[in-house]
N, C-alpha and C. Protein backbone atom coordinates (compact mmCIF):
# COMPACT_ATOMS: atom_id res chain seq x y z
N UNK A 1 49.40 67.60 -29.44
CA UNK A 1 49.05 66.88 -27.76
C UNK A 1 50.64 65.84 -27.49
N UNK A 2 50.86 65.47 -28.89
CA UNK A 2 52.67 64.32 -28.65
C UNK A 2 53.49 65.33 -28.15
N UNK A 3 53.30 66.48 -28.79
CA UNK A 3 54.44 67.14 -28.68
C UNK A 3 54.67 67.12 -27.30
N UNK A 4 53.67 67.48 -26.76
CA UNK A 4 53.29 67.86 -25.45
C UNK A 4 54.29 66.63 -24.45
N UNK A 5 53.64 65.63 -24.76
CA UNK A 5 54.32 64.14 -24.22
C UNK A 5 55.72 64.31 -23.74
N UNK A 6 56.03 64.47 -25.70
CA UNK A 6 57.31 64.90 -26.04
C UNK A 6 58.16 65.60 -25.32
N UNK A 7 57.84 66.17 -25.03
CA UNK A 7 58.56 67.59 -24.30
C UNK A 7 58.74 67.25 -22.55
N UNK A 8 57.37 66.72 -22.24
CA UNK A 8 57.41 66.43 -20.96
C UNK A 8 58.47 65.12 -21.02
N UNK A 9 58.75 64.64 -22.07
CA UNK A 9 59.86 63.03 -21.15
C UNK A 9 61.33 63.57 -20.82
N UNK A 10 61.11 64.69 -22.34
CA UNK A 10 62.95 64.95 -22.02
C UNK A 10 63.13 66.57 -21.66
N UNK A 11 61.94 66.63 -20.89
CA UNK A 11 62.19 67.47 -19.19
C UNK A 11 62.00 66.70 -18.27
N UNK A 12 61.63 65.10 -18.22
CA UNK A 12 61.94 64.62 -17.08
C UNK A 12 63.19 63.35 -16.57
N UNK A 13 63.62 63.32 -17.78
CA UNK A 13 64.94 62.71 -18.02
C UNK A 13 65.77 63.38 -18.12
N UNK A 14 66.31 65.00 -18.57
CA UNK A 14 67.20 66.34 -18.39
C UNK A 14 66.66 66.13 -16.60
N UNK A 15 65.58 66.41 -15.97
CA UNK A 15 66.46 66.12 -14.06
C UNK A 15 66.50 65.22 -13.92
N UNK A 16 66.19 63.59 -14.36
CA UNK A 16 67.06 62.60 -13.68
C UNK A 16 68.55 62.82 -13.92
N UNK A 17 68.58 62.97 -14.78
CA UNK A 17 70.23 63.32 -15.31
C UNK A 17 70.65 64.43 -14.62
N UNK A 18 70.48 65.53 -14.78
CA UNK A 18 71.14 66.35 -13.64
C UNK A 18 70.83 65.83 -11.75
N UNK A 19 69.99 65.37 -11.77
CA UNK A 19 70.14 65.00 -10.36
C UNK A 19 70.90 63.71 -9.90
N UNK A 20 71.56 62.56 -11.02
CA UNK A 20 72.83 61.77 -11.21
C UNK A 20 73.64 62.60 -11.24
N UNK A 21 73.72 64.06 -11.98
CA UNK A 21 75.15 64.44 -12.25
C UNK A 21 75.43 65.19 -11.12
N UNK A 22 74.51 65.59 -9.71
CA UNK A 22 74.79 65.60 -8.49
C UNK A 22 74.79 64.66 -7.59
N UNK A 23 74.31 63.40 -7.49
CA UNK A 23 74.93 62.44 -6.74
C UNK A 23 76.65 62.74 -6.86
N UNK A 24 76.71 62.28 -8.47
CA UNK A 24 78.40 62.14 -8.35
C UNK A 24 79.25 62.87 -7.95
N UNK A 25 78.93 64.02 -7.94
CA UNK A 25 79.56 65.06 -6.74
C UNK A 25 79.81 65.17 -6.08
N UNK A 26 79.01 64.30 -4.86
CA UNK A 26 78.85 64.28 -3.39
C UNK A 26 79.59 63.02 -2.89
N UNK A 27 80.83 62.97 -2.19
CA UNK A 27 81.53 62.06 -1.20
C UNK A 27 81.94 62.73 0.07
N UNK A 28 81.74 61.27 0.46
CA UNK A 28 82.25 61.02 2.37
C UNK A 28 83.21 60.88 2.38
N UNK A 29 84.07 61.91 2.68
CA UNK A 29 85.46 61.13 3.41
C UNK A 29 85.38 61.19 4.65
N UNK A 30 86.11 59.87 4.62
CA UNK A 30 85.89 58.82 6.26
C UNK A 30 87.27 58.55 7.04
N UNK A 31 87.55 59.54 8.46
CA UNK A 31 89.13 59.28 9.06
C UNK A 31 88.58 58.77 9.77
N UNK A 32 89.21 57.14 10.51
CA UNK A 32 89.19 56.55 11.46
C UNK A 32 89.89 56.35 12.57
N UNK A 33 89.60 56.52 13.50
CA UNK A 33 89.76 57.55 14.57
C UNK A 33 88.95 56.30 16.09
N UNK A 34 89.94 56.86 17.18
CA UNK A 34 88.79 56.73 18.61
C UNK A 34 89.12 58.61 18.80
N UNK A 35 87.75 58.80 19.51
CA UNK A 35 87.55 60.13 19.55
C UNK A 35 87.36 60.94 21.01
N UNK A 36 87.53 59.65 21.78
CA UNK A 36 87.97 60.28 22.95
C UNK A 36 89.64 60.62 23.40
N UNK A 37 89.62 62.40 24.01
CA UNK A 37 90.84 63.28 24.10
C UNK A 37 91.96 62.07 24.02
N UNK A 38 92.28 61.26 25.38
CA UNK A 38 93.38 59.99 25.03
C UNK A 38 93.68 59.58 24.38
N UNK A 39 93.55 59.69 22.98
CA UNK A 39 94.32 58.95 21.89
C UNK A 39 94.14 60.16 20.97
N UNK A 40 94.28 60.59 20.83
CA UNK A 40 94.81 61.99 20.67
C UNK A 40 96.70 62.03 20.49
N UNK A 41 96.27 61.92 18.57
CA UNK A 41 97.79 61.85 17.78
C UNK A 41 98.10 60.88 18.34
N UNK A 42 98.00 59.36 18.21
CA UNK A 42 98.40 58.10 18.36
C UNK A 42 98.88 57.76 17.14
N UNK A 43 99.76 56.32 16.59
CA UNK A 43 99.16 55.51 15.51
C UNK A 43 97.62 55.61 15.32
N UNK A 44 96.92 54.80 16.06
CA UNK A 44 95.67 54.19 15.22
C UNK A 44 94.67 55.22 15.21
N UNK A 45 95.10 56.89 15.32
CA UNK A 45 94.02 57.66 14.96
C UNK A 45 94.65 59.02 13.56
N UNK A 46 95.36 57.81 13.34
CA UNK A 46 95.84 58.52 11.79
C UNK A 46 94.62 59.31 10.85
N UNK A 47 93.78 58.25 11.08
CA UNK A 47 92.97 59.01 9.90
C UNK A 47 91.76 60.42 10.49
N UNK A 48 91.66 60.55 11.87
CA UNK A 48 91.53 61.71 12.25
C UNK A 48 92.83 62.96 11.51
N UNK A 49 93.78 62.56 11.65
CA UNK A 49 95.15 63.57 11.27
C UNK A 49 95.17 63.74 10.27
N UNK A 50 94.55 63.27 9.37
CA UNK A 50 93.95 63.19 7.79
C UNK A 50 93.51 64.32 7.45
N UNK A 51 92.35 64.29 8.38
CA UNK A 51 90.46 64.77 7.44
C UNK A 51 90.82 65.63 7.85
N UNK A 52 91.36 66.17 9.76
CA UNK A 52 91.49 66.83 9.98
C UNK A 52 92.33 67.84 9.32
N UNK A 53 93.49 67.68 9.04
CA UNK A 53 94.13 68.51 8.32
C UNK A 53 93.45 68.66 6.16
N UNK A 54 92.95 67.71 6.68
CA UNK A 54 91.82 68.33 4.95
C UNK A 54 90.91 68.85 5.23
N UNK A 55 89.76 69.13 6.33
CA UNK A 55 89.11 70.28 6.64
C UNK A 55 89.91 71.41 6.54
N UNK A 56 91.27 71.58 7.85
CA UNK A 56 91.72 72.79 7.56
C UNK A 56 91.65 73.78 6.15
N UNK A 57 92.81 72.03 5.22
CA UNK A 57 93.11 73.08 3.58
C UNK A 57 91.27 73.72 3.02
N UNK A 58 90.38 72.86 3.52
CA UNK A 58 89.52 73.42 3.06
C UNK A 58 87.99 74.84 3.84
N UNK A 59 89.02 75.60 4.81
CA UNK A 59 88.09 75.84 5.31
C UNK A 59 87.23 75.38 6.10
N UNK A 60 87.12 74.33 6.18
CA UNK A 60 85.71 73.49 6.94
C UNK A 60 85.79 73.23 8.84
N UNK A 61 84.24 73.08 8.80
CA UNK A 61 84.21 73.28 10.29
C UNK A 61 83.85 71.88 10.59
N UNK A 62 84.47 71.05 12.32
CA UNK A 62 83.77 70.06 12.87
C UNK A 62 82.45 70.07 13.34
N UNK A 63 81.44 69.82 13.59
CA UNK A 63 80.48 69.91 14.16
C UNK A 63 79.98 68.45 14.86
N UNK A 64 80.20 68.83 16.55
CA UNK A 64 79.50 66.93 16.82
C UNK A 64 78.23 66.99 16.26
N UNK A 65 77.87 65.67 15.43
CA UNK A 65 76.55 64.98 15.04
C UNK A 65 76.23 63.96 15.44
N UNK A 66 75.03 63.40 14.83
CA UNK A 66 74.84 61.73 15.07
C UNK A 66 76.08 60.96 14.80
N UNK A 67 76.35 59.84 15.92
CA UNK A 67 78.13 59.40 15.14
C UNK A 67 79.26 59.75 14.73
N UNK A 68 78.77 61.43 15.09
CA UNK A 68 80.28 61.41 14.32
C UNK A 68 80.55 62.87 14.57
N UNK A 69 82.14 63.52 14.07
CA UNK A 69 82.54 64.77 14.04
C UNK A 69 82.10 64.93 12.80
N UNK A 70 81.56 66.33 12.55
CA UNK A 70 81.09 66.26 11.10
C UNK A 70 81.56 67.99 9.95
N UNK A 71 82.10 68.06 8.84
CA UNK A 71 81.84 69.43 8.62
C UNK A 71 81.76 68.71 6.92
N UNK A 72 81.39 70.33 6.43
CA UNK A 72 81.37 70.12 4.79
C UNK A 72 82.04 71.38 3.99
N UNK A 73 82.48 70.70 2.98
CA UNK A 73 83.08 71.26 2.45
C UNK A 73 82.69 71.72 0.64
N UNK A 74 82.33 72.28 -0.30
CA UNK A 74 82.82 72.56 -1.08
C UNK A 74 84.51 72.73 -1.80
N UNK A 75 84.67 71.80 -3.09
CA UNK A 75 85.61 72.23 -3.77
C UNK A 75 85.70 71.85 -4.76
N UNK A 76 85.48 72.77 -6.25
CA UNK A 76 85.26 72.52 -7.35
C UNK A 76 84.29 71.80 -8.10
N UNK A 77 82.82 72.34 -7.54
CA UNK A 77 81.93 72.03 -7.64
C UNK A 77 81.43 70.82 -6.83
N UNK A 78 81.77 70.09 -5.94
CA UNK A 78 82.09 69.24 -5.54
C UNK A 78 81.93 69.12 -3.87
N UNK A 79 80.27 68.57 -3.56
CA UNK A 79 80.46 68.75 -2.27
C UNK A 79 80.58 67.74 -1.33
N UNK A 80 81.70 67.57 0.05
CA UNK A 80 82.48 66.78 0.85
C UNK A 80 81.94 66.99 1.91
N UNK A 81 81.68 65.49 2.25
CA UNK A 81 81.52 66.00 3.39
C UNK A 81 82.16 64.65 4.60
N UNK A 82 82.52 65.81 5.65
CA UNK A 82 84.13 64.59 5.95
C UNK A 82 83.73 64.20 7.51
N UNK A 83 83.93 63.02 7.52
CA UNK A 83 83.48 62.34 9.22
C UNK A 83 84.58 62.09 9.64
N UNK A 84 84.50 61.99 11.40
CA UNK A 84 85.17 61.47 12.42
C UNK A 84 84.09 60.71 13.01
N UNK A 85 84.21 59.78 12.67
CA UNK A 85 82.95 58.65 14.18
C UNK A 85 83.85 59.08 15.25
N UNK A 86 82.08 58.91 16.45
CA UNK A 86 82.73 58.71 17.53
C UNK A 86 82.35 58.22 18.40
N UNK A 87 81.58 57.09 17.63
CA UNK A 87 81.32 55.87 18.01
C UNK A 87 83.43 54.95 18.23
N UNK A 88 83.05 53.74 19.14
CA UNK A 88 84.25 53.40 19.31
C UNK A 88 84.88 52.97 17.82
N UNK A 89 86.09 52.28 17.92
CA UNK A 89 86.47 52.70 16.13
C UNK A 89 85.83 50.93 15.57
N UNK A 90 85.12 49.83 16.28
CA UNK A 90 85.16 48.42 16.16
C UNK A 90 83.50 49.06 15.98
N UNK A 91 82.63 50.33 16.01
CA UNK A 91 81.67 50.49 15.85
C UNK A 91 81.32 51.85 14.38
N UNK A 92 83.03 51.37 13.81
CA UNK A 92 82.79 52.58 13.03
C UNK A 92 81.76 52.87 11.82
N UNK A 93 81.13 51.53 12.19
CA UNK A 93 80.16 51.07 10.83
C UNK A 93 79.06 51.76 11.46
N UNK A 94 78.48 51.98 11.99
CA UNK A 94 77.33 52.58 12.40
C UNK A 94 77.38 54.50 11.80
N UNK A 95 78.28 54.79 12.09
CA UNK A 95 78.94 56.98 11.06
C UNK A 95 78.44 55.97 10.01
N UNK A 96 79.46 55.06 9.39
CA UNK A 96 79.22 55.55 7.90
C UNK A 96 78.27 55.17 7.79
N UNK A 97 77.40 53.76 7.65
CA UNK A 97 76.06 53.37 7.30
C UNK A 97 75.24 55.12 7.30
N UNK A 98 75.38 55.60 8.80
CA UNK A 98 74.36 56.82 8.67
C UNK A 98 74.73 57.91 7.52
N UNK A 99 76.04 58.53 7.55
CA UNK A 99 75.91 58.95 7.11
C UNK A 99 75.82 59.44 5.64
N UNK A 100 76.48 57.81 4.99
CA UNK A 100 76.35 57.25 3.46
C UNK A 100 74.80 57.49 2.98
N UNK A 101 73.37 57.30 3.87
CA UNK A 101 72.15 56.82 4.06
C UNK A 101 71.87 59.13 4.14
N UNK A 102 71.90 59.40 4.92
CA UNK A 102 71.86 61.00 5.44
C UNK A 102 71.82 61.73 3.72
N UNK A 103 73.51 61.32 3.69
CA UNK A 103 73.90 62.15 3.15
C UNK A 103 73.24 61.86 0.67
N UNK A 104 72.55 60.56 1.13
CA UNK A 104 72.47 60.01 -0.19
C UNK A 104 74.39 59.93 -1.37
N UNK A 105 74.69 59.23 -0.25
CA UNK A 105 76.14 59.38 -1.26
C UNK A 105 76.21 57.36 -1.35
N UNK A 106 76.58 57.04 -2.87
CA UNK A 106 76.93 55.56 -3.32
C UNK A 106 77.69 55.35 -2.20
N UNK A 107 78.31 53.64 -2.16
CA UNK A 107 79.51 53.81 -1.54
C UNK A 107 80.99 54.24 -2.32
N UNK A 108 80.66 53.77 -3.21
CA UNK A 108 81.70 54.39 -4.31
C UNK A 108 82.69 55.35 -4.71
N UNK A 109 81.36 55.74 -3.79
CA UNK A 109 82.11 57.71 -3.96
C UNK A 109 82.73 58.44 -2.61
N UNK A 110 83.29 56.74 -1.78
CA UNK A 110 83.26 57.34 -0.66
C UNK A 110 84.60 57.11 -0.40
N UNK A 111 85.32 57.17 0.86
CA UNK A 111 87.15 57.03 0.66
C UNK A 111 87.54 57.00 2.60
N UNK A 112 87.53 56.19 2.40
CA UNK A 112 87.65 55.58 4.13
C UNK A 112 89.30 55.80 4.25
N UNK A 113 90.14 56.23 5.64
CA UNK A 113 91.35 56.77 5.59
C UNK A 113 91.68 56.14 6.09
N UNK A 114 92.82 54.91 7.23
CA UNK A 114 92.91 54.11 8.19
C UNK A 114 93.64 53.86 8.44
N UNK A 115 94.85 53.95 9.59
CA UNK A 115 96.37 53.58 9.87
C UNK A 115 96.37 51.95 8.60
N UNK A 116 97.90 51.88 8.73
CA UNK A 116 97.66 49.88 8.40
C UNK A 116 99.33 49.50 9.19
N UNK A 117 99.20 48.63 9.39
CA UNK A 117 100.74 47.76 10.32
C UNK A 117 101.12 48.00 9.82
N UNK A 118 100.81 46.43 8.16
CA UNK A 118 101.56 46.05 7.32
C UNK A 118 102.26 47.15 6.28
N UNK A 119 101.83 48.65 6.29
CA UNK A 119 102.54 49.26 5.70
C UNK A 119 103.87 50.06 6.31
N UNK A 120 104.76 50.26 5.91
CA UNK A 120 106.34 51.39 6.23
C UNK A 120 105.45 52.80 6.38
N UNK A 121 106.00 52.93 7.52
CA UNK A 121 106.03 53.75 7.48
C UNK A 121 105.18 55.34 7.43
N UNK A 122 104.35 56.45 6.52
CA UNK A 122 105.24 56.94 5.91
C UNK A 122 104.48 56.45 4.37
N UNK A 123 104.77 55.38 4.33
CA UNK A 123 103.86 54.44 2.80
C UNK A 123 102.42 54.93 2.73
N UNK A 124 101.96 55.53 1.16
CA UNK A 124 100.58 55.73 1.26
C UNK A 124 99.38 54.60 0.02
N UNK A 125 98.61 53.84 0.38
CA UNK A 125 98.16 52.97 -0.82
C UNK A 125 96.61 53.37 -0.37
N UNK A 126 96.12 53.70 -1.85
CA UNK A 126 95.09 53.70 -2.06
C UNK A 126 94.39 52.52 -2.95
N UNK A 127 92.74 51.71 -2.51
CA UNK A 127 92.81 50.68 -3.08
C UNK A 127 91.05 51.36 -3.69
N UNK A 128 90.30 50.08 -5.05
CA UNK A 128 88.93 50.43 -4.85
C UNK A 128 88.42 49.36 -4.06
N UNK A 129 88.75 48.46 -3.34
CA UNK A 129 87.10 47.67 -2.68
C UNK A 129 88.17 46.82 -1.60
N UNK A 130 88.30 45.47 -0.81
CA UNK A 130 89.15 44.58 -0.25
C UNK A 130 88.90 44.08 1.31
N UNK A 131 89.49 43.30 2.10
CA UNK A 131 88.95 42.76 2.75
C UNK A 131 89.98 44.16 3.99
N UNK A 132 89.31 43.94 4.95
CA UNK A 132 89.60 44.98 6.55
C UNK A 132 90.86 44.86 6.76
N UNK A 133 91.02 43.00 6.34
CA UNK A 133 92.66 42.76 7.45
C UNK A 133 92.14 42.82 8.12
N UNK A 134 93.19 43.24 9.21
CA UNK A 134 92.89 43.33 10.87
C UNK A 134 92.57 44.26 11.68
N UNK A 135 92.16 45.22 10.54
CA UNK A 135 91.32 46.42 11.20
C UNK A 135 89.74 46.24 11.76
N UNK A 136 89.71 46.99 12.35
CA UNK A 136 88.48 46.85 13.52
C UNK A 136 87.75 47.59 13.13
N UNK A 137 88.24 48.79 12.18
CA UNK A 137 87.26 49.72 12.14
C UNK A 137 86.97 49.25 10.50
N UNK A 138 87.36 48.34 10.10
CA UNK A 138 87.60 49.31 8.35
C UNK A 138 86.56 47.65 8.19
N UNK A 139 86.72 46.56 9.22
CA UNK A 139 86.56 45.41 9.14
C UNK A 139 84.69 45.93 9.79
N UNK A 140 84.23 46.56 10.55
CA UNK A 140 82.85 46.52 10.82
C UNK A 140 81.95 47.20 10.10
N UNK A 141 82.95 48.30 9.45
CA UNK A 141 82.09 49.00 7.83
C UNK A 141 81.86 47.87 7.15
N UNK A 142 82.71 46.60 7.03
CA UNK A 142 82.00 46.42 5.64
C UNK A 142 81.23 45.57 6.14
N UNK A 143 81.44 44.89 7.50
CA UNK A 143 80.00 43.82 8.56
C UNK A 143 78.68 44.60 7.93
N UNK A 144 79.04 46.02 8.64
CA UNK A 144 77.71 46.94 8.12
C UNK A 144 77.34 47.06 6.49
N UNK A 145 77.58 47.37 6.54
CA UNK A 145 77.70 47.83 4.32
C UNK A 145 76.76 46.48 3.56
N UNK A 146 77.83 45.51 4.24
CA UNK A 146 77.26 44.01 4.06
C UNK A 146 78.61 43.60 2.53
N UNK A 147 79.27 44.48 2.44
CA UNK A 147 80.46 43.96 1.03
C UNK A 147 81.51 45.37 1.82
N UNK A 148 82.41 44.98 0.32
CA UNK A 148 83.76 46.01 1.00
C UNK A 148 84.27 46.67 -0.55
N UNK A 149 83.39 46.82 -1.30
CA UNK A 149 83.26 47.38 -2.59
C UNK A 149 82.96 48.85 -2.73
N UNK A 150 84.30 49.82 -1.64
CA UNK A 150 84.35 50.97 -1.59
C UNK A 150 85.65 51.62 -1.17
N UNK A 151 86.14 52.33 -1.79
CA UNK A 151 87.25 52.63 -1.96
C UNK A 151 88.00 53.30 -0.53
N UNK A 152 89.21 52.50 -0.40
CA UNK A 152 89.75 52.88 0.58
C UNK A 152 91.88 53.27 0.78
N UNK A 153 91.78 53.88 1.36
CA UNK A 153 93.31 54.78 2.04
C UNK A 153 93.92 54.19 2.52
N UNK A 154 95.35 53.74 2.43
CA UNK A 154 96.01 53.51 3.94
C UNK A 154 97.33 53.75 4.53
N UNK A 155 97.36 53.82 5.74
CA UNK A 155 98.40 54.81 6.14
C UNK A 155 99.08 53.64 6.25
N UNK A 156 100.51 53.52 6.27
CA UNK A 156 100.60 52.85 6.62
C UNK A 156 102.07 53.22 8.45
N UNK A 157 101.83 52.72 9.33
CA UNK A 157 102.77 53.30 10.79
C UNK A 157 103.71 52.48 11.20
N UNK A 158 103.91 51.80 10.22
CA UNK A 158 103.99 50.56 10.70
C UNK A 158 105.07 49.91 11.38
N UNK A 159 105.66 48.46 11.73
CA UNK A 159 105.29 47.74 13.01
C UNK A 159 106.90 47.22 14.11
N UNK A 160 106.87 48.74 14.33
CA UNK A 160 108.16 48.58 15.17
C UNK A 160 107.94 47.93 16.57
N UNK A 161 107.65 47.05 16.97
CA UNK A 161 107.32 46.82 18.21
C UNK A 161 107.47 45.19 18.11
N UNK A 162 107.53 44.60 19.81
CA UNK A 162 108.01 43.55 19.94
C UNK A 162 106.60 43.06 20.26
N UNK A 163 106.97 41.14 19.72
CA UNK A 163 105.48 40.18 20.00
C UNK A 163 104.73 40.75 21.59
N UNK A 164 103.76 40.58 21.38
CA UNK A 164 102.69 41.14 22.23
C UNK A 164 101.81 42.08 22.21
N UNK A 165 102.58 43.60 21.95
CA UNK A 165 103.13 45.09 22.18
C UNK A 165 102.91 45.59 20.85
N UNK A 166 101.37 45.09 20.59
CA UNK A 166 100.70 45.43 19.12
C UNK A 166 100.00 46.60 19.08
N UNK A 167 98.92 46.47 20.75
CA UNK A 167 98.15 47.55 21.11
C UNK A 167 99.13 48.92 21.83
N UNK A 168 99.63 48.35 22.85
CA UNK A 168 100.49 50.00 23.45
C UNK A 168 101.08 50.40 22.41
N UNK A 169 102.07 49.82 20.78
CA UNK A 169 102.30 50.37 19.95
C UNK A 169 101.08 51.69 19.24
N UNK A 170 100.19 50.69 19.03
CA UNK A 170 99.20 51.45 17.81
C UNK A 170 98.06 52.29 18.54
N UNK A 171 98.23 52.23 19.64
CA UNK A 171 97.67 53.29 20.98
C UNK A 171 98.50 54.19 21.53
N UNK A 172 99.82 53.86 20.87
CA UNK A 172 101.24 54.55 21.27
C UNK A 172 101.10 56.44 20.54
N UNK A 173 101.83 57.23 20.70
CA UNK A 173 102.18 57.92 19.59
C UNK A 173 103.29 58.43 19.04
N UNK A 174 103.46 59.24 17.55
CA UNK A 174 104.47 59.43 16.90
C UNK A 174 104.83 59.68 18.00
N UNK A 175 106.94 59.64 17.70
CA UNK A 175 107.69 60.32 18.41
C UNK A 175 108.42 62.01 17.08
N UNK A 176 109.07 62.23 17.75
CA UNK A 176 109.18 62.60 17.35
C UNK A 176 110.25 63.25 15.65
N UNK A 177 110.92 61.79 15.73
CA UNK A 177 112.07 61.87 14.30
C UNK A 177 110.41 60.54 13.62
N UNK A 178 109.39 60.27 13.93
CA UNK A 178 108.74 59.80 13.12
C UNK A 178 107.83 60.64 12.34
N UNK A 179 106.74 61.37 13.35
CA UNK A 179 106.46 62.76 12.41
C UNK A 179 107.29 63.46 11.52
N UNK A 180 108.38 63.42 11.43
CA UNK A 180 109.22 63.71 10.81
C UNK A 180 108.52 63.63 8.70
N UNK A 181 109.05 62.30 9.38
CA UNK A 181 107.91 61.31 8.13
C UNK A 181 106.62 61.21 7.84
N UNK A 182 105.85 61.44 8.90
CA UNK A 182 104.83 61.37 9.23
C UNK A 182 103.49 63.28 8.10
N UNK A 183 104.26 63.73 8.43
CA UNK A 183 104.12 65.13 7.89
C UNK A 183 103.82 65.31 6.39
N UNK A 184 104.88 64.73 6.00
CA UNK A 184 105.13 65.16 3.97
C UNK A 184 104.02 64.10 3.52
N UNK A 185 103.69 62.89 4.91
CA UNK A 185 102.62 61.84 4.02
C UNK A 185 100.68 62.45 4.52
N UNK A 186 101.18 63.21 5.31
CA UNK A 186 99.45 63.69 5.87
C UNK A 186 99.78 64.51 4.78
N UNK A 187 100.24 65.53 3.74
CA UNK A 187 100.06 66.27 2.94
C UNK A 187 100.41 65.79 2.08
N UNK A 188 100.64 64.47 1.62
CA UNK A 188 100.45 63.88 0.05
C UNK A 188 98.63 63.10 0.76
N UNK A 189 98.20 62.82 1.63
CA UNK A 189 97.28 62.19 2.18
C UNK A 189 96.05 63.10 1.08
N UNK A 190 96.56 64.36 2.21
CA UNK A 190 95.18 65.20 1.23
C UNK A 190 95.25 65.75 0.34
N UNK A 191 96.40 65.63 -0.56
CA UNK A 191 95.90 65.82 -2.22
C UNK A 191 95.46 64.24 -2.76
N UNK A 192 95.78 63.56 -1.92
CA UNK A 192 95.17 62.41 -2.51
C UNK A 192 93.60 62.18 -2.40
N UNK A 193 92.92 62.64 -1.25
CA UNK A 193 91.34 62.77 -1.16
C UNK A 193 91.19 63.57 -2.83
N UNK A 194 92.10 65.02 -1.92
CA UNK A 194 90.85 65.94 -2.78
C UNK A 194 90.95 65.44 -4.77
N UNK A 195 92.11 64.47 -4.64
CA UNK A 195 92.47 64.47 -6.20
C UNK A 195 91.63 63.37 -6.38
N UNK A 196 91.33 61.99 -5.92
CA UNK A 196 89.44 61.03 -5.80
C UNK A 196 88.32 62.01 -5.91
N UNK A 197 88.18 63.42 -5.88
CA UNK A 197 86.78 63.91 -5.97
C UNK A 197 87.14 64.18 -7.24
N UNK A 198 88.06 65.06 -7.64
CA UNK A 198 88.17 65.66 -8.92
C UNK A 198 88.15 65.13 -9.97
N UNK A 199 89.42 63.91 -9.71
CA UNK A 199 90.10 63.38 -11.32
C UNK A 199 89.70 62.30 -11.77
N UNK A 200 89.05 61.35 -10.51
CA UNK A 200 88.84 59.71 -9.89
C UNK A 200 89.94 59.24 -9.49
N UNK A 201 89.41 57.74 -9.11
CA UNK A 201 90.10 56.76 -8.08
C UNK A 201 91.34 56.30 -8.74
N UNK A 202 91.22 55.99 -9.89
CA UNK A 202 91.78 55.50 -11.21
C UNK A 202 93.17 56.20 -11.35
N UNK A 203 93.12 57.48 -11.62
CA UNK A 203 94.73 58.01 -12.16
C UNK A 203 94.76 58.25 -10.35
N UNK A 204 94.48 58.76 -9.38
CA UNK A 204 94.89 58.92 -8.62
C UNK A 204 95.07 57.74 -8.46
N UNK A 205 95.30 57.00 -8.03
CA UNK A 205 95.33 55.21 -7.37
C UNK A 205 97.31 55.38 -7.55
N UNK A 206 97.04 55.78 -8.96
CA UNK A 206 98.79 55.46 -9.88
C UNK A 206 99.10 56.68 -9.15
N UNK A 207 98.60 57.85 -9.16
CA UNK A 207 99.71 58.96 -8.48
C UNK A 207 100.08 58.45 -6.60
N UNK A 208 99.10 58.16 -6.18
CA UNK A 208 99.45 58.04 -4.62
C UNK A 208 100.25 56.73 -4.18
N UNK A 209 99.87 55.44 -5.55
CA UNK A 209 100.56 54.25 -4.92
C UNK A 209 101.79 53.83 -5.24
N UNK A 210 102.03 55.04 -6.39
CA UNK A 210 104.13 55.37 -6.78
C UNK A 210 104.48 56.43 -6.24
N UNK A 211 103.89 57.36 -5.16
CA UNK A 211 104.34 57.93 -4.31
C UNK A 211 105.35 57.85 -3.20
N UNK A 212 106.19 58.09 -3.73
CA UNK A 212 107.44 57.80 -2.27
C UNK A 212 107.68 59.05 -1.11
N UNK A 213 108.33 59.22 -0.44
CA UNK A 213 108.70 59.56 0.68
C UNK A 213 109.63 60.94 0.16
N UNK A 214 108.91 61.73 0.38
CA UNK A 214 111.10 62.53 0.21
C UNK A 214 111.98 62.51 1.64
N UNK A 215 112.89 62.67 1.23
CA UNK A 215 114.37 62.37 2.10
C UNK A 215 114.35 62.48 3.34
N UNK A 216 114.84 62.47 4.41
CA UNK A 216 115.51 63.29 5.55
C UNK A 216 115.93 63.75 5.50
N UNK A 217 116.37 65.11 6.21
CA UNK A 217 117.11 66.05 6.56
C UNK A 217 118.60 65.28 6.36
N UNK A 218 118.49 64.39 7.53
CA UNK A 218 119.75 63.36 7.97
C UNK A 218 120.06 62.62 6.49
N UNK A 219 118.88 62.10 5.91
CA UNK A 219 119.68 61.53 4.72
C UNK A 219 119.65 62.41 3.63
N UNK A 220 119.84 63.46 3.69
CA UNK A 220 120.09 64.35 2.62
C UNK A 220 121.23 64.87 2.90
N UNK A 221 121.79 64.89 4.37
CA UNK A 221 123.55 65.15 4.60
C UNK A 221 124.15 64.56 3.77
N UNK A 222 125.68 65.44 3.70
CA UNK A 222 126.26 64.86 2.98
C UNK A 222 127.68 64.56 3.79
N UNK A 223 128.06 64.11 3.62
CA UNK A 223 129.72 63.74 4.43
C UNK A 223 130.52 64.79 4.81
N UNK A 224 130.64 65.39 5.13
CA UNK A 224 132.23 65.82 4.75
C UNK A 224 133.58 65.52 4.86
N UNK A 225 134.22 66.69 4.00
CA UNK A 225 134.98 65.95 3.68
C UNK A 225 136.50 65.82 4.77
N UNK A 226 136.74 64.47 4.47
CA UNK A 226 137.97 64.32 5.80
C UNK A 226 139.24 65.05 5.98
N UNK A 227 139.37 66.20 4.38
CA UNK A 227 140.71 66.45 3.88
C UNK A 227 140.65 67.97 4.86
N UNK A 228 139.38 68.33 5.19
CA UNK A 228 139.29 69.24 5.33
C UNK A 228 140.23 69.74 6.31
């Protein structure tokens, strides 16, 4: 009888550990932005652009579901749920809380991608937690969850605007010159998200936070020899 009880305990422990392992392989990737068509391609929607690029890389397709456009993907045994909230930016927490609960994902297995005015254009910064600063989307997520203990990836959009024109700037679209900087940064951000889900936050932070934008064609052009 004792042997049977011992076997049952071992089975239960194994089942619990297996369940925990599965939970540790589930991730929620959140791109912040505004879902209305007029905001497509704007600086404030760079979170959407990054998550869209990730979905393309993983051959995932978005469907409109509750509070968000949602795509599901698999990568090296990890299950990724990608969302782009369809709430207004300042109500993003509603979508985040719903999909964390629905997918049974812990906040430390979530990565939120947002635009950041305080970072130079194309600069990436990953952090394990922190305040939302002036970002209404991040602040609503913090307010809704009741804490700020979740990883986030900040994507620099620069602050090239006159005083009083911040709203026009963040809701404006990138210029063709800016896109030359943005595109490689989006590629690196996608690599960072995948790295976050596979090798973890700490090592990914070291890589992302030390990454430098490659020089543009203009910067690499050599001055012509005046003697020619």
